[in-house]
Amino acid sequence: MRATLNIPDDLLSEVQKISGEKSKTKAITTAMKEYVHQKRIKELLALRGKIQIEDVTDELEKLELEEMEENDKRWRNR
């Protein structure tokens, strides 16, 4: 998407320097992606303690192993 923006030269230069991007477009895109990423992290961290998550890793692993064994038996009996 093309857009006309009024960005202070010193700010754009700093973004290019920090991001390591030579292109203004790439520097702005990189900065915007990083901004969105940081905002999402903050939103997730704000949920800390508000959501209860049950760890079912062991149960899932057990089910997966059982399914693999069943599939293995099916293939061997053919």
PDB file of N, CA and C in Angstrom:
ATOM      1  N   MET A   1       0.847  -1.175   0.000  1.00  0.00           N
ATOM      2  CA  MET A   1       0.000   0.000   0.000  1.00  0.00           C
ATOM      3  C   MET A   1       0.888   1.232   0.000  1.00  0.00           C
ATOM      4  N   ARG A   2       0.596   2.134  -0.868  1.00  0.00           N
ATOM      5  CA  ARG A   2       1.360   3.371  -0.926  1.00  0.00           C
ATOM      6  C   ARG A   2       0.703   4.391   0.004  1.00  0.00           C
ATOM      7  N   ALA A   3       1.538   5.190   0.659  1.00  0.00           N
ATOM      8  CA  ALA A   3       1.030   6.222   1.562  1.00  0.00           C
ATOM      9  C   ALA A   3       2.012   7.387   1.584  1.00  0.00           C
ATOM     10  N   THR A   4       1.476   8.547   1.768  1.00  0.00           N
ATOM     11  CA  THR A   4       2.315   9.728   1.934  1.00  0.00           C
ATOM     12  C   THR A   4       2.335  10.051   3.425  1.00  0.00           C
ATOM     13  N   LEU A   5       3.538  10.065   3.995  1.00  0.00           N
ATOM     14  CA  LEU A   5       3.681  10.283   5.429  1.00  0.00           C
ATOM     15  C   LEU A   5       4.657  11.411   5.692  1.00  0.00           C
ATOM     16  N   ASN A   6       4.406  12.144   6.736  1.00  0.00           N
ATOM     17  CA  ASN A   6       5.331  13.191   7.183  1.00  0.00           C
ATOM     18  C   ASN A   6       6.041  12.674   8.438  1.00  0.00           C
ATOM     19  N   ILE A   7       7.212  12.097   8.219  1.00  0.00           N
ATOM     20  CA  ILE A   7       8.005  11.540   9.315  1.00  0.00           C
ATOM     21  C   ILE A   7       9.252  12.401   9.469  1.00  0.00           C
ATOM     22  N   PRO A   8       9.513  12.874  10.681  1.00  0.00           N
ATOM     23  CA  PRO A   8      10.711  13.690  10.896  1.00  0.00           C
ATOM     24  C   PRO A   8      11.971  12.953  10.422  1.00  0.00           C
ATOM     25  N   ASP A   9      12.818  13.675   9.709  1.00  0.00           N
ATOM     26  CA  ASP A   9      14.039  13.075   9.142  1.00  0.00           C
ATOM     27  C   ASP A   9      14.914  12.424  10.199  1.00  0.00           C
ATOM     28  N   ASP A  10      15.062  13.088  11.345  1.00  0.00           N
ATOM     29  CA  ASP A  10      15.930  12.535  12.388  1.00  0.00           C
ATOM     30  C   ASP A  10      15.365  11.222  12.939  1.00  0.00           C
ATOM     31  N   LEU A  11      14.043  11.133  13.056  1.00  0.00           N
ATOM     32  CA  LEU A  11      13.415   9.909  13.539  1.00  0.00           C
ATOM     33  C   LEU A  11      13.577   8.781  12.530  1.00  0.00           C
ATOM     34  N   LEU A  12      13.360   9.079  11.275  1.00  0.00           N
ATOM     35  CA  LEU A  12      13.515   8.071  10.228  1.00  0.00           C
ATOM     36  C   LEU A  12      14.962   7.591  10.153  1.00  0.00           C
ATOM     37  N   SER A  13      15.910   8.509  10.271  1.00  0.00           N
ATOM     38  CA  SER A  13      17.332   8.134  10.267  1.00  0.00           C
ATOM     39  C   SER A  13      17.654   7.224  11.444  1.00  0.00           C
ATOM     40  N   GLU A  14      17.087   7.533  12.600  1.00  0.00           N
ATOM     41  CA  GLU A  14      17.341   6.714  13.788  1.00  0.00           C
ATOM     42  C   GLU A  14      16.740   5.316  13.624  1.00  0.00           C
ATOM     43  N   VAL A  15      15.548   5.242  13.055  1.00  0.00           N
ATOM     44  CA  VAL A  15      14.916   3.942  12.811  1.00  0.00           C
ATOM     45  C   VAL A  15      15.761   3.128  11.841  1.00  0.00           C
ATOM     46  N   GLN A  16      16.266   3.766  10.790  1.00  0.00           N
ATOM     47  CA  GLN A  16      17.118   3.066   9.831  1.00  0.00           C
ATOM     48  C   GLN A  16      18.391   2.563  10.514  1.00  0.00           C
ATOM     49  N   LYS A  17      18.974   3.395  11.345  1.00  0.00           N
ATOM     50  CA  LYS A  17      20.212   3.035  12.028  1.00  0.00           C
ATOM     51  C   LYS A  17      19.978   1.869  12.992  1.00  0.00           C
ATOM     52  N   ILE A  18      18.922   1.956  13.795  1.00  0.00           N
ATOM     53  CA  ILE A  18      18.635   0.917  14.788  1.00  0.00           C
ATOM     54  C   ILE A  18      18.234  -0.390  14.123  1.00  0.00           C
ATOM     55  N   SER A  19      17.429  -0.301  13.077  1.00  0.00           N
ATOM     56  CA  SER A  19      16.941  -1.516  12.406  1.00  0.00           C
ATOM     57  C   SER A  19      17.997  -2.143  11.506  1.00  0.00           C
ATOM     58  N   GLY A  20      18.972  -1.330  11.080  1.00  0.00           N
ATOM     59  CA  GLY A  20      19.996  -1.832  10.174  1.00  0.00           C
ATOM     60  C   GLY A  20      19.529  -1.899   8.731  1.00  0.00           C
ATOM     61  N   GLU A  21      18.354  -1.369   8.471  1.00  0.00           N
ATOM     62  CA  GLU A  21      17.800  -1.375   7.114  1.00  0.00           C
ATOM     63  C   GLU A  21      18.281  -0.144   6.362  1.00  0.00           C
ATOM     64  N   LYS A  22      18.661  -0.322   5.101  1.00  0.00           N
ATOM     65  CA  LYS A  22      19.096   0.814   4.288  1.00  0.00           C
ATOM     66  C   LYS A  22      17.911   1.510   3.640  1.00  0.00           C
ATOM     67  N   SER A  23      16.885   0.726   3.331  1.00  0.00           N
ATOM     68  CA  SER A  23      15.690   1.262   2.698  1.00  0.00           C
ATOM     69  C   SER A  23      14.773   1.875   3.755  1.00  0.00           C
ATOM     70  N   LYS A  24      14.223   3.028   3.460  1.00  0.00           N
ATOM     71  CA  LYS A  24      13.293   3.679   4.375  1.00  0.00           C
ATOM     72  C   LYS A  24      12.055   2.821   4.569  1.00  0.00           C
ATOM     73  N   THR A  25      11.564   2.240   3.467  1.00  0.00           N
ATOM     74  CA  THR A  25      10.374   1.395   3.541  1.00  0.00           C
ATOM     75  C   THR A  25      10.617   0.192   4.444  1.00  0.00           C
ATOM     76  N   LYS A  26      11.750  -0.476   4.258  1.00  0.00           N
ATOM     77  CA  LYS A  26      12.060  -1.642   5.082  1.00  0.00           C
ATOM     78  C   LYS A  26      12.243  -1.250   6.544  1.00  0.00           C
ATOM     79  N   ALA A  27      12.864  -0.104   6.777  1.00  0.00           N
ATOM     80  CA  ALA A  27      13.082   0.358   8.150  1.00  0.00           C
ATOM     81  C   ALA A  27      11.746   0.626   8.848  1.00  0.00           C
ATOM     82  N   ILE A  28      10.837   1.281   8.156  1.00  0.00           N
ATOM     83  CA  ILE A  28       9.522   1.583   8.734  1.00  0.00           C
ATOM     84  C   ILE A  28       8.735   0.292   8.945  1.00  0.00           C
ATOM     85  N   THR A  29       8.782  -0.619   7.974  1.00  0.00           N
ATOM     86  CA  THR A  29       8.076  -1.888   8.100  1.00  0.00           C
ATOM     87  C   THR A  29       8.614  -2.683   9.284  1.00  0.00           C
ATOM     88  N   THR A  30       9.926  -2.734   9.414  1.00  0.00           N
ATOM     89  CA  THR A  30      10.550  -3.439  10.535  1.00  0.00           C
ATOM     90  C   THR A  30      10.122  -2.823  11.863  1.00  0.00           C
ATOM     91  N   ALA A  31      10.133  -1.516  11.940  1.00  0.00           N
ATOM     92  CA  ALA A  31       9.741  -0.829  13.169  1.00  0.00           C
ATOM     93  C   ALA A  31       8.277  -1.090  13.504  1.00  0.00           C
ATOM     94  N   MET A  32       7.424  -1.076  12.503  1.00  0.00           N
ATOM     95  CA  MET A  32       5.996  -1.318  12.736  1.00  0.00           C
ATOM     96  C   MET A  32       5.749  -2.750  13.201  1.00  0.00           C
ATOM     97  N   LYS A  33       6.438  -3.719  12.591  1.00  0.00           N
ATOM     98  CA  LYS A  33       6.291  -5.113  13.009  1.00  0.00           C
ATOM     99  C   LYS A  33       6.739  -5.289  14.447  1.00  0.00           C
ATOM    100  N   GLU A  34       7.858  -4.674  14.790  1.00  0.00           N
ATOM    101  CA  GLU A  34       8.367  -4.760  16.156  1.00  0.00           C
ATOM    102  C   GLU A  34       7.401  -4.113  17.141  1.00  0.00           C
ATOM    103  N   TYR A  35       6.805  -2.996  16.768  1.00  0.00           N
ATOM    104  CA  TYR A  35       5.832  -2.313  17.621  1.00  0.00           C
ATOM    105  C   TYR A  35       4.632  -3.221  17.887  1.00  0.00           C
ATOM    106  N   VAL A  36       4.094  -3.823  16.838  1.00  0.00           N
ATOM    107  CA  VAL A  36       2.947  -4.733  16.978  1.00  0.00           C
ATOM    108  C   VAL A  36       3.329  -5.921  17.852  1.00  0.00           C
ATOM    109  N   HIS A  37       4.513  -6.470  17.627  1.00  0.00           N
ATOM    110  CA  HIS A  37       4.995  -7.606  18.414  1.00  0.00           C
ATOM    111  C   HIS A  37       5.061  -7.258  19.902  1.00  0.00           C
ATOM    112  N   GLN A  38       5.633  -6.106  20.211  1.00  0.00           N
ATOM    113  CA  GLN A  38       5.758  -5.679  21.604  1.00  0.00           C
ATOM    114  C   GLN A  38       4.392  -5.439  22.250  1.00  0.00           C
ATOM    115  N   LYS A  39       3.456  -4.861  21.497  1.00  0.00           N
ATOM    116  CA  LYS A  39       2.099  -4.623  22.022  1.00  0.00           C
ATOM    117  C   LYS A  39       1.411  -5.946  22.334  1.00  0.00           C
ATOM    118  N   ARG A  40       1.563  -6.932  21.458  1.00  0.00           N
ATOM    119  CA  ARG A  40       0.953  -8.247  21.683  1.00  0.00           C
ATOM    120  C   ARG A  40       1.538  -8.913  22.920  1.00  0.00           C
ATOM    121  N   ILE A  41       2.843  -8.782  23.097  1.00  0.00           N
ATOM    122  CA  ILE A  41       3.482  -9.346  24.287  1.00  0.00           C
ATOM    123  C   ILE A  41       2.914  -8.695  25.539  1.00  0.00           C
ATOM    124  N   LYS A  42       2.777  -7.379  25.527  1.00  0.00           N
ATOM    125  CA  LYS A  42       2.226  -6.678  26.692  1.00  0.00           C
ATOM    126  C   LYS A  42       0.802  -7.128  26.986  1.00  0.00           C
ATOM    127  N   GLU A  43       0.005  -7.327  25.929  1.00  0.00           N
ATOM    128  CA  GLU A  43      -1.374  -7.796  26.118  1.00  0.00           C
ATOM    129  C   GLU A  43      -1.396  -9.185  26.740  1.00  0.00           C
ATOM    130  N   LEU A  44      -0.516 -10.056  26.267  1.00  0.00           N
ATOM    131  CA  LEU A  44      -0.454 -11.399  26.840  1.00  0.00           C
ATOM    132  C   LEU A  44       0.015 -11.365  28.289  1.00  0.00           C
ATOM    133  N   LEU A  45       1.002 -10.548  28.577  1.00  0.00           N
ATOM    134  CA  LEU A  45       1.500 -10.435  29.948  1.00  0.00           C
ATOM    135  C   LEU A  45       0.442  -9.864  30.884  1.00  0.00           C
ATOM    136  N   ALA A  46      -0.425  -9.010  30.354  1.00  0.00           N
ATOM    137  CA  ALA A  46      -1.502  -8.437  31.170  1.00  0.00           C
ATOM    138  C   ALA A  46      -2.504  -9.508  31.589  1.00  0.00           C
ATOM    139  N   LEU A  47      -2.558 -10.611  30.854  1.00  0.00           N
ATOM    140  CA  LEU A  47      -3.468 -11.707  31.187  1.00  0.00           C
ATOM    141  C   LEU A  47      -2.909 -12.626  32.277  1.00  0.00           C
ATOM    142  N   ARG A  48      -1.644 -12.423  32.632  1.00  0.00           N
ATOM    143  CA  ARG A  48      -1.008 -13.273  33.638  1.00  0.00           C
ATOM    144  C   ARG A  48      -1.844 -13.292  34.917  1.00  0.00           C
ATOM    145  N   GLY A  49      -2.182 -14.487  35.344  1.00  0.00           N
ATOM    146  CA  GLY A  49      -2.954 -14.654  36.570  1.00  0.00           C
ATOM    147  C   GLY A  49      -4.462 -14.548  36.360  1.00  0.00           C
ATOM    148  N   LYS A  50      -4.894 -14.136  35.200  1.00  0.00           N
ATOM    149  CA  LYS A  50      -6.319 -13.979  34.926  1.00  0.00           C
ATOM    150  C   LYS A  50      -6.902 -15.191  34.215  1.00  0.00           C
ATOM    151  N   ILE A  51      -6.037 -15.963  33.597  1.00  0.00           N
ATOM    152  CA  ILE A  51      -6.472 -17.138  32.861  1.00  0.00           C
ATOM    153  C   ILE A  51      -5.821 -18.354  33.491  1.00  0.00           C
ATOM    154  N   GLN A  52      -6.635 -19.379  33.736  1.00  0.00           N
ATOM    155  CA  GLN A  52      -6.086 -20.600  34.290  1.00  0.00           C
ATOM    156  C   GLN A  52      -5.940 -21.610  33.158  1.00  0.00           C
ATOM    157  N   ILE A  53      -4.741 -22.059  32.962  1.00  0.00           N
ATOM    158  CA  ILE A  53      -4.452 -23.009  31.892  1.00  0.00           C
ATOM    159  C   ILE A  53      -4.045 -24.335  32.515  1.00  0.00           C
ATOM    160  N   GLU A  54      -4.700 -25.379  32.070  1.00  0.00           N
ATOM    161  CA  GLU A  54      -4.388 -26.707  32.575  1.00  0.00           C
ATOM    162  C   GLU A  54      -3.383 -27.364  31.634  1.00  0.00           C
ATOM    163  N   ASP A  55      -2.299 -27.851  32.191  1.00  0.00           N
ATOM    164  CA  ASP A  55      -1.269 -28.513  31.388  1.00  0.00           C
ATOM    165  C   ASP A  55      -1.691 -29.957  31.144  1.00  0.00           C
ATOM    166  N   VAL A  56      -2.020 -30.260  29.905  1.00  0.00           N
ATOM    167  CA  VAL A  56      -2.455 -31.610  29.534  1.00  0.00           C
ATOM    168  C   VAL A  56      -1.425 -32.288  28.627  1.00  0.00           C
ATOM    169  N   THR A  57      -0.210 -31.824  28.701  1.00  0.00           N
ATOM    170  CA  THR A  57       0.858 -32.344  27.849  1.00  0.00           C
ATOM    171  C   THR A  57       1.032 -33.848  28.026  1.00  0.00           C
ATOM    172  N   ASP A  58       1.070 -34.311  29.267  1.00  0.00           N
ATOM    173  CA  ASP A  58       1.283 -35.738  29.518  1.00  0.00           C
ATOM    174  C   ASP A  58       0.147 -36.584  28.947  1.00  0.00           C
ATOM    175  N   GLU A  59      -1.090 -36.126  29.136  1.00  0.00           N
ATOM    176  CA  GLU A  59      -2.239 -36.867  28.622  1.00  0.00           C
ATOM    177  C   GLU A  59      -2.214 -36.931  27.091  1.00  0.00           C
ATOM    178  N   LEU A  60      -1.874 -35.810  26.460  1.00  0.00           N
ATOM    179  CA  LEU A  60      -1.803 -35.777  25.002  1.00  0.00           C
ATOM    180  C   LEU A  60      -0.705 -36.689  24.482  1.00  0.00           C
ATOM    181  N   GLU A  61       0.417 -36.685  25.162  1.00  0.00           N
ATOM    182  CA  GLU A  61       1.529 -37.536  24.742  1.00  0.00           C
ATOM    183  C   GLU A  61       1.143 -39.007  24.860  1.00  0.00           C
ATOM    184  N   LYS A  62       0.455 -39.369  25.946  1.00  0.00           N
ATOM    185  CA  LYS A  62       0.012 -40.741  26.143  1.00  0.00           C
ATOM    186  C   LYS A  62      -0.955 -41.154  25.032  1.00  0.00           C
ATOM    187  N   LEU A  63      -1.922 -40.302  24.717  1.00  0.00           N
ATOM    188  CA  LEU A  63      -2.874 -40.588  23.652  1.00  0.00           C
ATOM    189  C   LEU A  63      -2.183 -40.732  22.296  1.00  0.00           C
ATOM    190  N   GLU A  64      -1.219 -39.886  22.063  1.00  0.00           N
ATOM    191  CA  GLU A  64      -0.483 -39.942  20.797  1.00  0.00           C
ATOM    192  C   GLU A  64       0.296 -41.248  20.666  1.00  0.00           C
ATOM    193  N   LEU A  65       0.924 -41.673  21.754  1.00  0.00           N
ATOM    194  CA  LEU A  65       1.668 -42.935  21.735  1.00  0.00           C
ATOM    195  C   LEU A  65       0.723 -44.118  21.512  1.00  0.00           C
ATOM    196  N   GLU A  66      -0.453 -44.084  22.166  1.00  0.00           N
ATOM    197  CA  GLU A  66      -1.436 -45.155  21.982  1.00  0.00           C
ATOM    198  C   GLU A  66      -1.908 -45.204  20.529  1.00  0.00           C
ATOM    199  N   GLU A  67      -2.152 -44.038  19.948  1.00  0.00           N
ATOM    200  CA  GLU A  67      -2.588 -43.979  18.554  1.00  0.00           C
ATOM    201  C   GLU A  67      -1.512 -44.524  17.618  1.00  0.00           C
ATOM    202  N   MET A  68      -0.265 -44.194  17.902  1.00  0.00           N
ATOM    203  CA  MET A  68       0.834 -44.695  17.079  1.00  0.00           C
ATOM    204  C   MET A  68       0.928 -46.217  17.167  1.00  0.00           C
ATOM    205  N   GLU A  69       0.742 -46.759  18.371  1.00  0.00           N
ATOM    206  CA  GLU A  69       0.796 -48.203  18.548  1.00  0.00           C
ATOM    207  C   GLU A  69      -0.342 -48.881  17.787  1.00  0.00           C
ATOM    208  N   GLU A  70      -1.538 -48.308  17.855  1.00  0.00           N
ATOM    209  CA  GLU A  70      -2.683 -48.864  17.130  1.00  0.00           C
ATOM    210  C   GLU A  70      -2.432 -48.838  15.623  1.00  0.00           C
ATOM    211  N   ASN A  71      -1.931 -47.748  15.127  1.00  0.00           N
ATOM    212  CA  ASN A  71      -1.625 -47.652  13.688  1.00  0.00           C
ATOM    213  C   ASN A  71      -0.555 -48.659  13.292  1.00  0.00           C
ATOM    214  N   ASP A  72       0.425 -48.816  14.139  1.00  0.00           N
ATOM    215  CA  ASP A  72       1.498 -49.772  13.860  1.00  0.00           C
ATOM    216  C   ASP A  72       0.939 -51.193  13.784  1.00  0.00           C
ATOM    217  N   LYS A  73       0.053 -51.538  14.717  1.00  0.00           N
ATOM    218  CA  LYS A  73      -0.564 -52.880  14.716  1.00  0.00           C
ATOM    219  C   LYS A  73      -1.384 -53.079  13.441  1.00  0.00           C
ATOM    220  N   ARG A  74      -2.143 -52.062  13.048  1.00  0.00           N
ATOM    221  CA  ARG A  74      -2.951 -52.161  11.834  1.00  0.00           C
ATOM    222  C   ARG A  74      -2.095 -52.433  10.606  1.00  0.00           C
ATOM    223  N   TRP A  75      -1.003 -51.736  10.491  1.00  0.00           N
ATOM    224  CA  TRP A  75      -0.137 -51.899   9.327  1.00  0.00           C
ATOM    225  C   TRP A  75       0.552 -53.267   9.323  1.00  0.00           C
ATOM    226  N   ARG A  76       0.888 -53.761  10.490  1.00  0.00           N
ATOM    227  CA  ARG A  76       1.568 -55.069  10.575  1.00  0.00           C
ATOM    228  C   ARG A  76       0.624 -56.227  10.268  1.00  0.00           C
ATOM    229  N   ASN A  77      -0.665 -56.068  10.557  1.00  0.00           N
ATOM    230  CA  ASN A  77      -1.640 -57.133  10.346  1.00  0.00           C
ATOM    231  C   ASN A  77      -2.139 -57.198   8.916  1.00  0.00           C
ATOM    232  N   ARG A  78      -1.676 -56.381   8.047  1.00  0.00           N
ATOM    233  CA  ARG A  78      -2.140 -56.388   6.658  1.00  0.00           C
ATOM    234  C   ARG A  78      -1.437 -57.411   5.849  1.00  0.00           C
TER     235      ARG A  78
END
